[in-house]
Amino acid sequence: DRVDKLNTIGFSWSVQADANESKWEKRYVELTEYQAKHVDCNVPQKQGELGTWVHRQRLLRKKGELNQDRVDKLNTIGFSWSVQADANESKWEKRYVELTEYQAKHVDCNVPQKQGE
């Protein structure tokens, strides 16, 4: 049968779906390159097409519309689904390090309220 013959050679029945998948893969590769350079996947939304794409992935996942394979693929590179949560964690870690430095110098953690930020 003709359909079977076309299927056996990998004929694409949906050019649009293939184009979308190709675009997604292209942006994914760009994101991995960004991550290699910046250590994270937190591309600013205003940073061109990649920033817009990253924002869209977060939005689609939040709405439950992002394909699980894509979620898994993004998770494997350490994609952050909540930039705000990462920022808060980073701020906490910074303050914790400052506290341990204070403790090493003063033997306690009784930091005066007016000291530092």
C-alpha atoms as a PDB file:
ATOM      1  CA  ASP A   1       0.000   0.000   0.000  1.00  0.00           C
ATOM      2  CA  ARG A   2       1.270   3.492  -0.808  1.00  0.00           C
ATOM      3  CA  VAL A   3       0.905   4.877   2.738  1.00  0.00           C
ATOM      4  CA  ASP A   4       2.965   2.010   4.154  1.00  0.00           C
ATOM      5  CA  LYS A   5       5.667   2.566   1.547  1.00  0.00           C
ATOM      6  CA  LEU A   6       5.866   6.248   2.439  1.00  0.00           C
ATOM      7  CA  ASN A   7       5.953   5.458   6.152  1.00  0.00           C
ATOM      8  CA  THR A   8       8.833   2.999   5.699  1.00  0.00           C
ATOM      9  CA  ILE A   9      11.018   5.724   4.218  1.00  0.00           C
ATOM     10  CA  GLY A  10      10.215   8.179   7.011  1.00  0.00           C
ATOM     11  CA  PHE A  11       7.815  10.377   5.087  1.00  0.00           C
ATOM     12  CA  SER A  12       6.615  13.295   7.225  1.00  0.00           C
ATOM     13  CA  TRP A  13       2.866  13.721   7.257  1.00  0.00           C
ATOM     14  CA  SER A  14       3.087  16.962   9.191  1.00  0.00           C
ATOM     15  CA  VAL A  15       5.542  19.498   7.852  1.00  0.00           C
ATOM     16  CA  GLN A  16       4.415  22.083  10.443  1.00  0.00           C
ATOM     17  CA  ALA A  17       5.055  19.727  13.370  1.00  0.00           C
ATOM     18  CA  ASP A  18       8.512  18.923  12.020  1.00  0.00           C
ATOM     19  CA  ALA A  19       9.273  22.620  11.576  1.00  0.00           C
ATOM     20  CA  ASN A  20       8.180  23.354  15.161  1.00  0.00           C
ATOM     21  CA  GLU A  21      10.279  20.489  16.508  1.00  0.00           C
ATOM     22  CA  SER A  22      13.267  21.724  14.517  1.00  0.00           C
ATOM     23  CA  LYS A  23      12.818  25.269  15.900  1.00  0.00           C
ATOM     24  CA  TRP A  24      12.540  23.943  19.450  1.00  0.00           C
ATOM     25  CA  GLU A  25      15.711  21.875  19.033  1.00  0.00           C
ATOM     26  CA  LYS A  26      17.548  24.880  17.588  1.00  0.00           C
ATOM     27  CA  ARG A  27      16.632  27.009  20.619  1.00  0.00           C
ATOM     28  CA  TYR A  28      17.529  24.142  22.954  1.00  0.00           C
ATOM     29  CA  VAL A  29      21.008  23.975  21.426  1.00  0.00           C
ATOM     30  CA  GLU A  30      21.326  27.765  21.779  1.00  0.00           C
ATOM     31  CA  LEU A  31      20.340  27.416  25.432  1.00  0.00           C
ATOM     32  CA  THR A  32      23.000  24.774  26.076  1.00  0.00           C
ATOM     33  CA  GLU A  33      25.569  27.113  24.492  1.00  0.00           C
ATOM     34  CA  TYR A  34      24.329  29.968  26.691  1.00  0.00           C
ATOM     35  CA  GLN A  35      24.569  27.722  29.741  1.00  0.00           C
ATOM     36  CA  ALA A  36      28.135  26.706  28.898  1.00  0.00           C
ATOM     37  CA  LYS A  37      29.096  30.373  28.805  1.00  0.00           C
ATOM     38  CA  HIS A  38      26.995  31.704  31.743  1.00  0.00           C
ATOM     39  CA  VAL A  39      26.729  28.604  34.014  1.00  0.00           C
ATOM     40  CA  ASP A  40      22.921  28.820  34.176  1.00  0.00           C
ATOM     41  CA  CYS A  41      19.891  28.851  31.881  1.00  0.00           C
ATOM     42  CA  ASN A  42      18.465  32.137  33.124  1.00  0.00           C
ATOM     43  CA  VAL A  43      18.410  34.006  29.847  1.00  0.00           C
ATOM     44  CA  PRO A  44      16.881  37.456  30.335  1.00  0.00           C
ATOM     45  CA  GLN A  45      13.513  37.667  28.596  1.00  0.00           C
ATOM     46  CA  LYS A  46      14.614  40.796  26.751  1.00  0.00           C
ATOM     47  CA  GLN A  47      17.661  39.027  25.310  1.00  0.00           C
ATOM     48  CA  GLY A  48      16.370  38.322  21.843  1.00  0.00           C
ATOM     49  CA  GLU A  49      14.654  35.209  20.580  1.00  0.00           C
ATOM     50  CA  LEU A  50      16.357  32.889  23.063  1.00  0.00           C
ATOM     51  CA  GLY A  51      15.150  34.950  26.036  1.00  0.00           C
ATOM     52  CA  THR A  52      11.616  34.928  24.650  1.00  0.00           C
ATOM     53  CA  TRP A  53      11.821  31.169  24.058  1.00  0.00           C
ATOM     54  CA  VAL A  54      13.031  30.475  27.615  1.00  0.00           C
ATOM     55  CA  HIS A  55      10.203  32.577  29.032  1.00  0.00           C
ATOM     56  CA  ARG A  56       7.708  30.713  26.840  1.00  0.00           C
ATOM     57  CA  GLN A  57       8.950  27.303  28.053  1.00  0.00           C
ATOM     58  CA  ARG A  58       8.355  28.368  31.660  1.00  0.00           C
ATOM     59  CA  LEU A  59       4.911  29.688  30.798  1.00  0.00           C
ATOM     60  CA  LEU A  60       3.908  26.560  28.852  1.00  0.00           C
ATOM     61  CA  ARG A  61       5.007  24.294  31.704  1.00  0.00           C
ATOM     62  CA  LYS A  62       3.133  26.383  34.249  1.00  0.00           C
ATOM     63  CA  LYS A  63      -0.015  26.013  32.141  1.00  0.00           C
ATOM     64  CA  GLY A  64       0.600  22.254  31.759  1.00  0.00           C
ATOM     65  CA  GLU A  65       1.090  22.611  28.017  1.00  0.00           C
ATOM     66  CA  LEU A  66       4.762  21.703  27.669  1.00  0.00           C
ATOM     67  CA  ASN A  67       5.439  18.201  26.385  1.00  0.00           C
ATOM     68  CA  GLN A  68       6.944  16.020  29.144  1.00  0.00           C
ATOM     69  CA  ASP A  69       9.835  14.987  26.886  1.00  0.00           C
ATOM     70  CA  ARG A  70      10.782  18.647  26.574  1.00  0.00           C
ATOM     71  CA  VAL A  71      10.434  19.203  30.326  1.00  0.00           C
ATOM     72  CA  ASP A  72      12.721  16.220  30.926  1.00  0.00           C
ATOM     73  CA  LYS A  73      15.237  17.436  28.365  1.00  0.00           C
ATOM     74  CA  LEU A  74      15.350  20.897  29.946  1.00  0.00           C
ATOM     75  CA  ASN A  75      15.665  19.353  33.413  1.00  0.00           C
ATOM     76  CA  THR A  76      18.735  17.386  32.323  1.00  0.00           C
ATOM     77  CA  ILE A  77      20.635  20.642  31.735  1.00  0.00           C
ATOM     78  CA  GLY A  78      19.519  22.182  35.024  1.00  0.00           C
ATOM     79  CA  PHE A  79      16.860  24.466  33.581  1.00  0.00           C
ATOM     80  CA  SER A  80      15.319  26.620  36.287  1.00  0.00           C
ATOM     81  CA  TRP A  81      11.547  26.776  36.179  1.00  0.00           C
ATOM     82  CA  SER A  82      11.384  29.663  38.645  1.00  0.00           C
ATOM     83  CA  VAL A  83      13.953  32.415  38.318  1.00  0.00           C
ATOM     84  CA  GLN A  84      12.598  34.195  41.412  1.00  0.00           C
ATOM     85  CA  ALA A  85      13.106  31.113  43.581  1.00  0.00           C
ATOM     86  CA  ASP A  86      16.702  30.838  42.351  1.00  0.00           C
ATOM     87  CA  ALA A  87      17.331  34.513  43.100  1.00  0.00           C
ATOM     88  CA  ASN A  88      15.966  34.100  46.630  1.00  0.00           C
ATOM     89  CA  GLU A  89      18.080  30.982  47.212  1.00  0.00           C
ATOM     90  CA  SER A  90      21.181  32.757  45.923  1.00  0.00           C
ATOM     91  CA  LYS A  91      20.553  35.737  48.216  1.00  0.00           C
ATOM     92  CA  TRP A  92      20.088  33.413  51.202  1.00  0.00           C
ATOM     93  CA  GLU A  93      23.305  31.535  50.398  1.00  0.00           C
ATOM     94  CA  LYS A  94      25.217  34.823  50.118  1.00  0.00           C
ATOM     95  CA  ARG A  95      23.945  35.975  53.524  1.00  0.00           C
ATOM     96  CA  TYR A  96      24.747  32.587  55.033  1.00  0.00           C
ATOM     97  CA  VAL A  97      28.362  32.852  53.857  1.00  0.00           C
ATOM     98  CA  GLU A  98      28.544  36.361  55.317  1.00  0.00           C
ATOM     99  CA  LEU A  99      27.224  35.035  58.630  1.00  0.00           C
ATOM    100  CA  THR A 100      29.806  32.234  58.761  1.00  0.00           C
ATOM    101  CA  GLU A 101      32.544  34.806  58.069  1.00  0.00           C
ATOM    102  CA  TYR A 102      31.180  37.015  60.871  1.00  0.00           C
ATOM    103  CA  GLN A 103      31.071  34.036  63.218  1.00  0.00           C
ATOM    104  CA  ALA A 104      34.677  33.095  62.407  1.00  0.00           C
ATOM    105  CA  LYS A 105      35.787  36.618  63.260  1.00  0.00           C
ATOM    106  CA  HIS A 106      33.545  37.285  66.321  1.00  0.00           C
ATOM    107  CA  VAL A 107      32.940  33.727  67.672  1.00  0.00           C
ATOM    108  CA  ASP A 108      29.157  34.240  67.686  1.00  0.00           C
ATOM    109  CA  CYS A 109      26.304  35.020  65.303  1.00  0.00           C
ATOM    110  CA  ASN A 110      25.035  38.097  67.142  1.00  0.00           C
ATOM    111  CA  VAL A 111      25.345  40.502  64.260  1.00  0.00           C
ATOM    112  CA  PRO A 112      24.360  44.048  65.205  1.00  0.00           C
ATOM    113  CA  GLN A 113      21.179  45.090  63.411  1.00  0.00           C
ATOM    114  CA  LYS A 114      22.844  48.141  61.870  1.00  0.00           C
ATOM    115  CA  GLN A 115      25.761  46.177  60.426  1.00  0.00           C
ATOM    116  CA  GLY A 116      25.847  45.553  56.692  1.00  0.00           C
ATOM    117  CA  GLU A 117      22.899  45.590  54.345  1.00  0.00           C
END
